[in-house]
PDB file of N, CA and C in Angstrom:
ATOM      1  N   UNK A   1     -45.508  25.937  -0.938  1.00  0.00           N
ATOM      2  CA  UNK A   1     -44.242  26.816  -1.182  1.00  0.00           C
ATOM      3  C   UNK A   1     -42.973  25.866  -0.844  1.00  0.00           C
ATOM      4  N   UNK A   2     -41.883  26.043  -1.264  1.00  0.00           N
ATOM      5  CA  UNK A   2     -40.884  25.239  -0.976  1.00  0.00           C
ATOM      6  C   UNK A   2     -39.539  26.110  -1.493  1.00  0.00           C
ATOM      7  N   UNK A   3     -38.364  25.995  -0.657  1.00  0.00           N
ATOM      8  CA  UNK A   3     -37.406  26.404  -1.323  1.00  0.00           C
ATOM      9  C   UNK A   3     -36.264  25.593  -1.630  1.00  0.00           C
ATOM     10  N   UNK A   4     -35.008  26.122  -2.288  1.00  0.00           N
ATOM     11  CA  UNK A   4     -34.140  24.896  -2.303  1.00  0.00           C
ATOM     12  C   UNK A   4     -32.916  25.080  -1.241  1.00  0.00           C
ATOM     13  N   UNK A   5     -32.736  24.003  -0.779  1.00  0.00           N
ATOM     14  CA  UNK A   5     -31.663  24.316   0.496  1.00  0.00           C
ATOM     15  C   UNK A   5     -30.636  22.760   0.270  1.00  0.00           C
ATOM     16  N   UNK A   6     -29.644  22.985  -0.276  1.00  0.00           N
ATOM     17  CA  UNK A   6     -28.741  22.376  -0.521  1.00  0.00           C
ATOM     18  C   UNK A   6     -29.054  21.287  -1.547  1.00  0.00           C
ATOM     19  N   UNK A   7     -29.624  21.508  -2.424  1.00  0.00           N
ATOM     20  CA  UNK A   7     -30.353  20.665  -3.778  1.00  0.00           C
ATOM     21  C   UNK A   7     -31.402  19.603  -3.072  1.00  0.00           C
ATOM     22  N   UNK A   8     -31.961  19.941  -1.981  1.00  0.00           N
ATOM     23  CA  UNK A   8     -33.134  19.382  -1.376  1.00  0.00           C
ATOM     24  C   UNK A   8     -34.237  20.310  -1.373  1.00  0.00           C
ATOM     25  N   UNK A   9     -35.553  20.153  -1.877  1.00  0.00           N
ATOM     26  CA  UNK A   9     -36.761  20.689  -1.708  1.00  0.00           C
ATOM     27  C   UNK A   9     -37.251  20.557  -0.576  1.00  0.00           C
ATOM     28  N   UNK A  10     -37.292  21.776   0.286  1.00  0.00           N
ATOM     29  CA  UNK A  10     -37.865  21.967   1.754  1.00  0.00           C
ATOM     30  C   UNK A  10     -38.934  22.863   2.053  1.00  0.00           C
ATOM     31  N   UNK A  11     -39.960  22.459   2.639  1.00  0.00           N
ATOM     32  CA  UNK A  11     -40.995  23.301   2.482  1.00  0.00           C
ATOM     33  C   UNK A  11     -40.775  24.488   3.747  1.00  0.00           C
ATOM     34  N   UNK A  12     -41.587  25.399   3.391  1.00  0.00           N
ATOM     35  CA  UNK A  12     -41.055  26.635   4.473  1.00  0.00           C
ATOM     36  C   UNK A  12     -42.612  26.749   5.442  1.00  0.00           C
ATOM     37  N   UNK A  13     -43.539  26.210   4.749  1.00  0.00           N
ATOM     38  CA  UNK A  13     -44.584  25.997   5.660  1.00  0.00           C
ATOM     39  C   UNK A  13     -44.387  25.343   6.947  1.00  0.00           C
ATOM     40  N   UNK A  14     -44.593  26.002   8.452  1.00  0.00           N
ATOM     41  CA  UNK A  14     -44.279  25.642   9.665  1.00  0.00           C
ATOM     42  C   UNK A  14     -45.181  24.444  10.027  1.00  0.00           C
ATOM     43  N   UNK A  15     -44.424  23.318  10.767  1.00  0.00           N
ATOM     44  CA  UNK A  15     -45.283  22.162  11.062  1.00  0.00           C
ATOM     45  C   UNK A  15     -46.384  22.977  12.081  1.00  0.00           C
ATOM     46  N   UNK A  16     -47.476  22.398  12.549  1.00  0.00           N
ATOM     47  CA  UNK A  16     -48.646  22.675  13.297  1.00  0.00           C
ATOM     48  C   UNK A  16     -48.990  21.563  13.859  1.00  0.00           C
ATOM     49  N   UNK A  17     -48.508  21.145  15.259  1.00  0.00           N
ATOM     50  CA  UNK A  17     -49.116  20.246  15.622  1.00  0.00           C
ATOM     51  C   UNK A  17     -49.012  20.072  17.356  1.00  0.00           C
ATOM     52  N   UNK A  18     -50.220  19.743  17.916  1.00  0.00           N
ATOM     53  CA  UNK A  18     -50.218  19.817  19.570  1.00  0.00           C
ATOM     54  C   UNK A  18     -50.204  18.638  20.456  1.00  0.00           C
ATOM     55  N   UNK A  19     -49.269  18.822  21.051  1.00  0.00           N
ATOM     56  CA  UNK A  19     -49.262  17.556  21.829  1.00  0.00           C
ATOM     57  C   UNK A  19     -48.550  17.945  23.371  1.00  0.00           C
ATOM     58  N   UNK A  20     -49.167  16.874  24.296  1.00  0.00           N
ATOM     59  CA  UNK A  20     -48.724  17.428  25.829  1.00  0.00           C
ATOM     60  C   UNK A  20     -47.860  16.089  26.117  1.00  0.00           C
ATOM     61  N   UNK A  21     -46.648  16.579  26.630  1.00  0.00           N
ATOM     62  CA  UNK A  21     -45.522  15.757  26.913  1.00  0.00           C
ATOM     63  C   UNK A  21     -45.388  15.787  28.391  1.00  0.00           C
ATOM     64  N   UNK A  22     -45.328  14.717  29.300  1.00  0.00           N
ATOM     65  CA  UNK A  22     -44.760  15.122  30.654  1.00  0.00           C
ATOM     66  C   UNK A  22     -43.427  15.039  30.611  1.00  0.00           C
ATOM     67  N   UNK A  23     -42.437  15.796  31.339  1.00  0.00           N
ATOM     68  CA  UNK A  23     -41.006  15.432  31.043  1.00  0.00           C
ATOM     69  C   UNK A  23     -40.568  15.337  32.413  1.00  0.00           C
ATOM     70  N   UNK A  24     -39.432  15.008  32.782  1.00  0.00           N
ATOM     71  CA  UNK A  24     -38.621  14.774  33.884  1.00  0.00           C
ATOM     72  C   UNK A  24     -37.553  15.096  33.771  1.00  0.00           C
ATOM     73  N   UNK A  25     -36.612  15.328  34.940  1.00  0.00           N
ATOM     74  CA  UNK A  25     -35.199  15.672  34.673  1.00  0.00           C
ATOM     75  C   UNK A  25     -34.465  14.693  34.369  1.00  0.00           C
ATOM     76  N   UNK A  26     -33.263  14.597  33.774  1.00  0.00           N
ATOM     77  CA  UNK A  26     -32.563  13.645  33.332  1.00  0.00           C
ATOM     78  C   UNK A  26     -30.882  14.254  33.419  1.00  0.00           C
ATOM     79  N   UNK A  27     -30.016  13.138  33.499  1.00  0.00           N
ATOM     80  CA  UNK A  27     -28.608  13.549  33.798  1.00  0.00           C
ATOM     81  C   UNK A  27     -28.182  13.810  32.304  1.00  0.00           C
ATOM     82  N   UNK A  28     -27.181  15.164  32.357  1.00  0.00           N
ATOM     83  CA  UNK A  28     -26.692  15.714  31.387  1.00  0.00           C
ATOM     84  C   UNK A  28     -25.661  14.757  30.889  1.00  0.00           C
ATOM     85  N   UNK A  29     -25.393  14.977  29.599  1.00  0.00           N
ATOM     86  CA  UNK A  29     -24.671  14.190  28.862  1.00  0.00           C
ATOM     87  C   UNK A  29     -23.437  15.200  28.510  1.00  0.00           C
ATOM     88  N   UNK A  30     -22.364  14.651  27.537  1.00  0.00           N
ATOM     89  CA  UNK A  30     -21.393  15.309  27.337  1.00  0.00           C
ATOM     90  C   UNK A  30     -22.121  16.198  25.982  1.00  0.00           C
ATOM     91  N   UNK A  31     -22.962  15.705  25.347  1.00  0.00           N
ATOM     92  CA  UNK A  31     -23.642  16.549  24.316  1.00  0.00           C
ATOM     93  C   UNK A  31     -24.755  17.819  24.722  1.00  0.00           C
ATOM     94  N   UNK A  32     -25.008  17.947  25.730  1.00  0.00           N
ATOM     95  CA  UNK A  32     -25.967  18.891  26.260  1.00  0.00           C
ATOM     96  C   UNK A  32     -25.209  19.895  26.762  1.00  0.00           C
ATOM     97  N   UNK A  33     -25.846  21.000  26.430  1.00  0.00           N
ATOM     98  CA  UNK A  33     -25.251  22.528  26.452  1.00  0.00           C
ATOM     99  C   UNK A  33     -25.705  22.686  28.075  1.00  0.00           C
ATOM    100  N   UNK A  34     -24.472  23.416  28.818  1.00  0.00           N
ATOM    101  CA  UNK A  34     -24.394  23.833  30.160  1.00  0.00           C
ATOM    102  C   UNK A  34     -25.518  25.008  30.605  1.00  0.00           C
ATOM    103  N   UNK A  35     -25.973  25.585  29.544  1.00  0.00           N
ATOM    104  CA  UNK A  35     -26.684  26.726  29.964  1.00  0.00           C
ATOM    105  C   UNK A  35     -28.255  26.238  29.423  1.00  0.00           C
ATOM    106  N   UNK A  36     -28.619  24.690  29.401  1.00  0.00           N
ATOM    107  CA  UNK A  36     -29.576  24.231  29.253  1.00  0.00           C
ATOM    108  C   UNK A  36     -30.129  23.414  30.524  1.00  0.00           C
ATOM    109  N   UNK A  37     -31.614  22.895  30.722  1.00  0.00           N
ATOM    110  CA  UNK A  37     -32.054  21.876  31.469  1.00  0.00           C
ATOM    111  C   UNK A  37     -32.234  20.547  30.567  1.00  0.00           C
ATOM    112  N   UNK A  38     -31.487  19.499  30.958  1.00  0.00           N
ATOM    113  CA  UNK A  38     -31.973  18.454  30.317  1.00  0.00           C
ATOM    114  C   UNK A  38     -32.797  17.494  31.027  1.00  0.00           C
ATOM    115  N   UNK A  39     -33.980  17.202  30.003  1.00  0.00           N
ATOM    116  CA  UNK A  39     -35.224  16.630  30.529  1.00  0.00           C
ATOM    117  C   UNK A  39     -35.326  15.440  29.351  1.00  0.00           C
ATOM    118  N   UNK A  40     -36.319  14.577  29.617  1.00  0.00           N
ATOM    119  CA  UNK A  40     -36.999  13.303  28.836  1.00  0.00           C
ATOM    120  C   UNK A  40     -38.120  13.285  28.945  1.00  0.00           C
ATOM    121  N   UNK A  41     -38.760  12.716  28.105  1.00  0.00           N
ATOM    122  CA  UNK A  41     -40.318  11.864  28.239  1.00  0.00           C
ATOM    123  C   UNK A  41     -40.484  11.437  29.980  1.00  0.00           C
ATOM    124  N   UNK A  42     -41.448  11.652  30.279  1.00  0.00           N
ATOM    125  CA  UNK A  42     -41.445  10.995  32.112  1.00  0.00           C
ATOM    126  C   UNK A  42     -41.560   9.575  31.742  1.00  0.00           C
ATOM    127  N   UNK A  43     -41.154   8.785  32.531  1.00  0.00           N
ATOM    128  CA  UNK A  43     -41.223   7.515  32.452  1.00  0.00           C
ATOM    129  C   UNK A  43     -42.661   6.941  32.817  1.00  0.00           C
ATOM    130  N   UNK A  44     -43.534   7.390  33.577  1.00  0.00           N
ATOM    131  CA  UNK A  44     -44.899   7.028  33.965  1.00  0.00           C
ATOM    132  C   UNK A  44     -46.151   7.689  33.340  1.00  0.00           C
ATOM    133  N   UNK A  45     -45.457   8.431  32.128  1.00  0.00           N
ATOM    134  CA  UNK A  45     -46.390   9.030  31.003  1.00  0.00           C
ATOM    135  C   UNK A  45     -45.996   9.193  29.791  1.00  0.00           C
ATOM    136  N   UNK A  46     -45.548   7.901  29.282  1.00  0.00           N
ATOM    137  CA  UNK A  46     -44.618   7.945  27.737  1.00  0.00           C
ATOM    138  C   UNK A  46     -45.651   8.245  26.852  1.00  0.00           C
ATOM    139  N   UNK A  47     -44.774   8.796  25.803  1.00  0.00           N
ATOM    140  CA  UNK A  47     -45.390   9.600  24.441  1.00  0.00           C
ATOM    141  C   UNK A  47     -44.008   9.189  23.331  1.00  0.00           C
ATOM    142  N   UNK A  48     -44.894   8.752  22.324  1.00  0.00           N
ATOM    143  CA  UNK A  48     -43.873   8.454  21.099  1.00  0.00           C
ATOM    144  C   UNK A  48     -43.661   9.819  20.365  1.00  0.00           C
ATOM    145  N   UNK A  49     -42.509  10.518  20.743  1.00  0.00           N
ATOM    146  CA  UNK A  49     -42.261  11.915  20.209  1.00  0.00           C
ATOM    147  C   UNK A  49     -42.119  11.773  18.675  1.00  0.00           C
ATOM    148  N   UNK A  50     -41.725  10.771  18.189  1.00  0.00           N
ATOM    149  CA  UNK A  50     -41.389  10.625  16.565  1.00  0.00           C
ATOM    150  C   UNK A  50     -40.330  11.864  16.434  1.00  0.00           C
ATOM    151  N   UNK A  51     -40.703  12.473  15.236  1.00  0.00           N
ATOM    152  CA  UNK A  51     -39.702  13.338  14.643  1.00  0.00           C
ATOM    153  C   UNK A  51     -39.935  14.566  15.413  1.00  0.00           C
ATOM    154  N   UNK A  52     -39.044  15.155  16.662  1.00  0.00           N
ATOM    155  CA  UNK A  52     -39.127  16.086  17.349  1.00  0.00           C
ATOM    156  C   UNK A  52     -39.271  17.944  16.511  1.00  0.00           C
ATOM    157  N   UNK A  53     -38.848  17.558  15.127  1.00  0.00           N
ATOM    158  CA  UNK A  53     -38.349  18.976  14.399  1.00  0.00           C
ATOM    159  C   UNK A  53     -39.827  19.569  14.585  1.00  0.00           C
ATOM    160  N   UNK A  54     -39.753  20.938  15.044  1.00  0.00           N
ATOM    161  CA  UNK A  54     -40.909  21.632  15.077  1.00  0.00           C
ATOM    162  C   UNK A  54     -41.051  21.625  16.537  1.00  0.00           C
ATOM    163  N   UNK A  55     -40.505  21.064  17.562  1.00  0.00           N
ATOM    164  CA  UNK A  55     -40.739  21.451  19.078  1.00  0.00           C
ATOM    165  C   UNK A  55     -39.932  22.633  19.586  1.00  0.00           C
ATOM    166  N   UNK A  56     -38.810  23.045  19.106  1.00  0.00           N
ATOM    167  CA  UNK A  56     -38.135  24.137  19.381  1.00  0.00           C
ATOM    168  C   UNK A  56     -39.124  25.568  19.498  1.00  0.00           C
ATOM    169  N   UNK A  57     -38.891  25.953  20.642  1.00  0.00           N
ATOM    170  CA  UNK A  57     -39.700  27.118  20.573  1.00  0.00           C
ATOM    171  C   UNK A  57     -40.951  26.745  21.706  1.00  0.00           C
ATOM    172  N   UNK A  58     -41.281  25.464  21.726  1.00  0.00           N
ATOM    173  CA  UNK A  58     -42.093  25.269  22.440  1.00  0.00           C
ATOM    174  C   UNK A  58     -42.252  25.942  23.921  1.00  0.00           C
ATOM    175  N   UNK A  59     -43.268  26.192  24.441  1.00  0.00           N
ATOM    176  CA  UNK A  59     -43.180  26.377  25.988  1.00  0.00           C
ATOM    177  C   UNK A  59     -43.124  25.258  26.758  1.00  0.00           C
ATOM    178  N   UNK A  60     -42.745  25.127  27.868  1.00  0.00           N
ATOM    179  CA  UNK A  60     -42.601  24.197  28.979  1.00  0.00           C
ATOM    180  C   UNK A  60     -43.243  25.004  30.169  1.00  0.00           C
ATOM    181  N   UNK A  61     -44.263  24.244  30.896  1.00  0.00           N
ATOM    182  CA  UNK A  61     -45.079  24.533  31.947  1.00  0.00           C
ATOM    183  C   UNK A  61     -45.060  23.614  33.008  1.00  0.00           C
ATOM    184  N   UNK A  62     -45.105  24.086  34.227  1.00  0.00           N
ATOM    185  CA  UNK A  62     -44.929  23.051  35.263  1.00  0.00           C
ATOM    186  C   UNK A  62     -46.253  23.525  36.195  1.00  0.00           C
ATOM    187  N   UNK A  63     -46.942  22.395  36.983  1.00  0.00           N
ATOM    188  CA  UNK A  63     -48.056  22.863  38.090  1.00  0.00           C
ATOM    189  C   UNK A  63     -47.330  22.495  39.245  1.00  0.00           C
ATOM    190  N   UNK A  64     -47.458  23.319  40.534  1.00  0.00           N
ATOM    191  CA  UNK A  64     -47.006  23.196  41.734  1.00  0.00           C
ATOM    192  C   UNK A  64     -48.252  23.601  42.702  1.00  0.00           C
ATOM    193  N   UNK A  65     -47.913  22.997  43.935  1.00  0.00           N
ATOM    194  CA  UNK A  65     -48.928  23.465  44.984  1.00  0.00           C
ATOM    195  C   UNK A  65     -48.381  23.937  46.363  1.00  0.00           C
ATOM    196  N   UNK A  66     -48.774  25.163  46.783  1.00  0.00           N
ATOM    197  CA  UNK A  66     -48.229  25.558  47.959  1.00  0.00           C
ATOM    198  C   UNK A  66     -48.698  24.932  49.226  1.00  0.00           C
ATOM    199  N   UNK A  67     -48.758  25.390  50.273  1.00  0.00           N
ATOM    200  CA  UNK A  67     -48.806  24.943  51.671  1.00  0.00           C
ATOM    201  C   UNK A  67     -50.528  24.825  51.894  1.00  0.00           C
ATOM    202  N   UNK A  68     -51.199  25.679  51.335  1.00  0.00           N
ATOM    203  CA  UNK A  68     -52.587  26.159  51.191  1.00  0.00           C
ATOM    204  C   UNK A  68     -53.761  25.168  51.162  1.00  0.00           C
ATOM    205  N   UNK A  69     -53.640  24.089  50.139  1.00  0.00           N
ATOM    206  CA  UNK A  69     -52.796  23.997  49.203  1.00  0.00           C
ATOM    207  C   UNK A  69     -53.500  24.645  47.672  1.00  0.00           C
ATOM    208  N   UNK A  70     -53.149  25.877  47.380  1.00  0.00           N
ATOM    209  CA  UNK A  70     -53.311  26.465  46.138  1.00  0.00           C
ATOM    210  C   UNK A  70     -52.588  26.097  45.072  1.00  0.00           C
ATOM    211  N   UNK A  71     -53.099  25.762  43.781  1.00  0.00           N
ATOM    212  CA  UNK A  71     -52.174  25.168  42.828  1.00  0.00           C
ATOM    213  C   UNK A  71     -51.770  26.246  41.909  1.00  0.00           C
ATOM    214  N   UNK A  72     -50.543  26.159  41.308  1.00  0.00           N
ATOM    215  CA  UNK A  72     -50.214  27.239  40.467  1.00  0.00           C
ATOM    216  C   UNK A  72     -49.623  26.670  39.276  1.00  0.00           C
ATOM    217  N   UNK A  73     -49.763  27.603  38.204  1.00  0.00           N
ATOM    218  CA  UNK A  73     -48.946  27.169  36.666  1.00  0.00           C
ATOM    219  C   UNK A  73     -47.651  27.959  36.575  1.00  0.00           C
ATOM    220  N   UNK A  74     -46.575  27.105  36.522  1.00  0.00           N
ATOM    221  CA  UNK A  74     -45.076  28.285  36.404  1.00  0.00           C
ATOM    222  C   UNK A  74     -44.947  27.804  34.847  1.00  0.00           C
ATOM    223  N   UNK A  75     -43.803  29.087  34.797  1.00  0.00           N
ATOM    224  CA  UNK A  75     -43.241  28.629  33.224  1.00  0.00           C
ATOM    225  C   UNK A  75     -41.892  28.354  33.230  1.00  0.00           C
ATOM    226  N   UNK A  76     -41.413  27.027  33.097  1.00  0.00           N
ATOM    227  CA  UNK A  76     -40.405  26.254  33.205  1.00  0.00           C
ATOM    228  C   UNK A  76     -39.139  27.069  32.098  1.00  0.00           C
ATOM    229  N   UNK A  77     -39.647  27.412  31.006  1.00  0.00           N
ATOM    230  CA  UNK A  77     -38.658  27.700  29.778  1.00  0.00           C
ATOM    231  C   UNK A  77     -39.098  27.412  28.488  1.00  0.00           C
ATOM    232  N   UNK A  78     -38.128  27.141  27.753  1.00  0.00           N
ATOM    233  CA  UNK A  78     -38.651  26.859  26.257  1.00  0.00           C
ATOM    234  C   UNK A  78     -38.044  25.811  25.593  1.00  0.00           C
ATOM    235  N   UNK A  79     -38.585  24.768  24.867  1.00  0.00           N
ATOM    236  CA  UNK A  79     -37.423  23.961  24.208  1.00  0.00           C
ATOM    237  C   UNK A  79     -36.428  24.133  23.342  1.00  0.00           C
ATOM    238  N   UNK A  80     -35.353  23.843  23.143  1.00  0.00           N
ATOM    239  CA  UNK A  80     -34.548  24.156  22.104  1.00  0.00           C
ATOM    240  C   UNK A  80     -33.918  23.008  21.275  1.00  0.00           C
ATOM    241  N   UNK A  81     -33.927  21.749  21.935  1.00  0.00           N
ATOM    242  CA  UNK A  81     -33.248  20.729  21.240  1.00  0.00           C
ATOM    243  C   UNK A  81     -34.237  19.422  21.622  1.00  0.00           C
ATOM    244  N   UNK A  82     -34.191  18.546  20.808  1.00  0.00           N
ATOM    245  CA  UNK A  82     -35.117  17.366  20.834  1.00  0.00           C
ATOM    246  C   UNK A  82     -34.498  16.110  20.076  1.00  0.00           C
ATOM    247  N   UNK A  83     -34.506  15.034  20.634  1.00  0.00           N
ATOM    248  CA  UNK A  83     -34.539  13.875  19.871  1.00  0.00           C
ATOM    249  C   UNK A  83     -35.163  12.881  19.685  1.00  0.00           C
ATOM    250  N   UNK A  84     -35.495  11.736  18.770  1.00  0.00           N
ATOM    251  CA  UNK A  84     -36.388  10.740  18.613  1.00  0.00           C
ATOM    252  C   UNK A  84     -36.558   9.902  19.881  1.00  0.00           C
ATOM    253  N   UNK A  85     -35.440  10.205  20.802  1.00  0.00           N
ATOM    254  CA  UNK A  85     -35.340   9.002  22.188  1.00  0.00           C
ATOM    255  C   UNK A  85     -36.525   9.881  22.913  1.00  0.00           C
ATOM    256  N   UNK A  86     -36.867  10.873  22.957  1.00  0.00           N
ATOM    257  CA  UNK A  86     -37.627  11.748  23.777  1.00  0.00           C
ATOM    258  C   UNK A  86     -36.646  12.411  24.841  1.00  0.00           C
ATOM    259  N   UNK A  87     -35.243  12.879  24.439  1.00  0.00           N
ATOM    260  CA  UNK A  87     -34.716  13.668  25.385  1.00  0.00           C
ATOM    261  C   UNK A  87     -34.545  15.072  24.736  1.00  0.00           C
ATOM    262  N   UNK A  88     -34.768  16.448  25.464  1.00  0.00           N
ATOM    263  CA  UNK A  88     -34.707  17.587  25.306  1.00  0.00           C
ATOM    264  C   UNK A  88     -34.201  18.468  25.796  1.00  0.00           C
ATOM    265  N   UNK A  89     -33.880  19.412  25.592  1.00  0.00           N
ATOM    266  CA  UNK A  89     -33.236  20.633  26.286  1.00  0.00           C
ATOM    267  C   UNK A  89     -34.238  21.678  26.636  1.00  0.00           C
ATOM    268  N   UNK A  90     -34.062  22.455  27.582  1.00  0.00           N
ATOM    269  CA  UNK A  90     -34.689  23.688  27.619  1.00  0.00           C
ATOM    270  C   UNK A  90     -33.847  24.625  28.282  1.00  0.00           C
ATOM    271  N   UNK A  91     -34.270  25.971  27.384  1.00  0.00           N
ATOM    272  CA  UNK A  91     -33.745  27.364  27.727  1.00  0.00           C
ATOM    273  C   UNK A  91     -34.652  27.512  29.057  1.00  0.00           C
ATOM    274  N   UNK A  92     -33.785  27.815  30.052  1.00  0.00           N
ATOM    275  CA  UNK A  92     -34.416  28.185  31.558  1.00  0.00           C
ATOM    276  C   UNK A  92     -35.449  29.253  31.549  1.00  0.00           C
ATOM    277  N   UNK A  93     -36.457  29.567  32.107  1.00  0.00           N
ATOM    278  CA  UNK A  93     -37.205  30.873  32.378  1.00  0.00           C
ATOM    279  C   UNK A  93     -36.490  32.405  32.680  1.00  0.00           C
ATOM    280  N   UNK A  94     -35.311  31.778  33.466  1.00  0.00           N
ATOM    281  CA  UNK A  94     -34.784  32.865  33.997  1.00  0.00           C
ATOM    282  C   UNK A  94     -34.037  33.649  33.143  1.00  0.00           C
ATOM    283  N   UNK A  95     -33.244  32.746  32.125  1.00  0.00           N
ATOM    284  CA  UNK A  95     -32.315  32.939  31.091  1.00  0.00           C
ATOM    285  C   UNK A  95     -33.088  33.756  29.875  1.00  0.00           C
ATOM    286  N   UNK A  96     -34.442  33.128  29.757  1.00  0.00           N
ATOM    287  CA  UNK A  96     -35.459  34.276  28.827  1.00  0.00           C
ATOM    288  C   UNK A  96     -36.027  35.435  29.475  1.00  0.00           C
ATOM    289  N   UNK A  97     -36.248  35.315  30.578  1.00  0.00           N
ATOM    290  CA  UNK A  97     -36.682  36.863  31.379  1.00  0.00           C
ATOM    291  C   UNK A  97     -35.646  38.129  31.104  1.00  0.00           C
ATOM    292  N   UNK A  98     -34.361  37.420  31.348  1.00  0.00           N
ATOM    293  CA  UNK A  98     -33.054  38.361  31.525  1.00  0.00           C
ATOM    294  C   UNK A  98     -32.748  38.673  29.880  1.00  0.00           C
ATOM    295  N   UNK A  99     -32.884  38.041  29.329  1.00  0.00           N
ATOM    296  CA  UNK A  99     -32.756  38.789  27.461  1.00  0.00           C
ATOM    297  C   UNK A  99     -33.779  39.554  27.510  1.00  0.00           C
ATOM    298  N   UNK A 100     -34.923  39.140  27.726  1.00  0.00           N
ATOM    299  CA  UNK A 100     -36.136  40.048  27.330  1.00  0.00           C
ATOM    300  C   UNK A 100     -36.073  41.624  28.134  1.00  0.00           C
ATOM    301  N   UNK A 101     -35.417  41.148  29.632  1.00  0.00           N
ATOM    302  CA  UNK A 101     -35.466  42.638  30.163  1.00  0.00           C
ATOM    303  C   UNK A 101     -34.477  43.512  29.745  1.00  0.00           C
ATOM    304  N   UNK A 102     -33.285  42.621  29.331  1.00  0.00           N
ATOM    305  CA  UNK A 102     -32.175  43.639  28.673  1.00  0.00           C
ATOM    306  C   UNK A 102     -32.625  44.190  27.100  1.00  0.00           C
ATOM    307  N   UNK A 103     -33.764  43.382  26.563  1.00  0.00           N
ATOM    308  CA  UNK A 103     -33.807  44.134  25.578  1.00  0.00           C
ATOM    309  C   UNK A 103     -35.208  45.521  25.740  1.00  0.00           C
ATOM    310  N   UNK A 104     -35.801  45.476  26.787  1.00  0.00           N
ATOM    311  CA  UNK A 104     -36.988  46.382  27.026  1.00  0.00           C
ATOM    312  C   UNK A 104     -36.093  47.571  27.627  1.00  0.00           C
ATOM    313  N   UNK A 105     -35.076  47.305  28.411  1.00  0.00           N
ATOM    314  CA  UNK A 105     -34.492  48.150  29.324  1.00  0.00           C
ATOM    315  C   UNK A 105     -33.603  49.303  28.226  1.00  0.00           C
ATOM    316  N   UNK A 106     -32.966  48.478  27.267  1.00  0.00           N
ATOM    317  CA  UNK A 106     -32.279  49.127  26.156  1.00  0.00           C
ATOM    318  C   UNK A 106     -33.139  50.097  24.964  1.00  0.00           C
TER     319      UNK A 106
END
């Protein structure tokens, strides 16, 4: 199934691919949105991202350890933009919670 977009046929079937990326913070550039967290593929755990089309909306999790030492899983946010160099931007989890709570309360 395809649709015409500006004279080009474009598939409406979503891409499905699974991958595990290790991300690390990076310095924001002038192109980054101030409401996002800038990250890049971790230098110690490189991965060829290729075309990041379809990564938007992917959840970003982190693992942390407390003093006991219990290990926990946390939700960092959701990927919104990415490029072939392995740079991404993440909607922070706090922003997502605020939006969802606003919808549920209204």
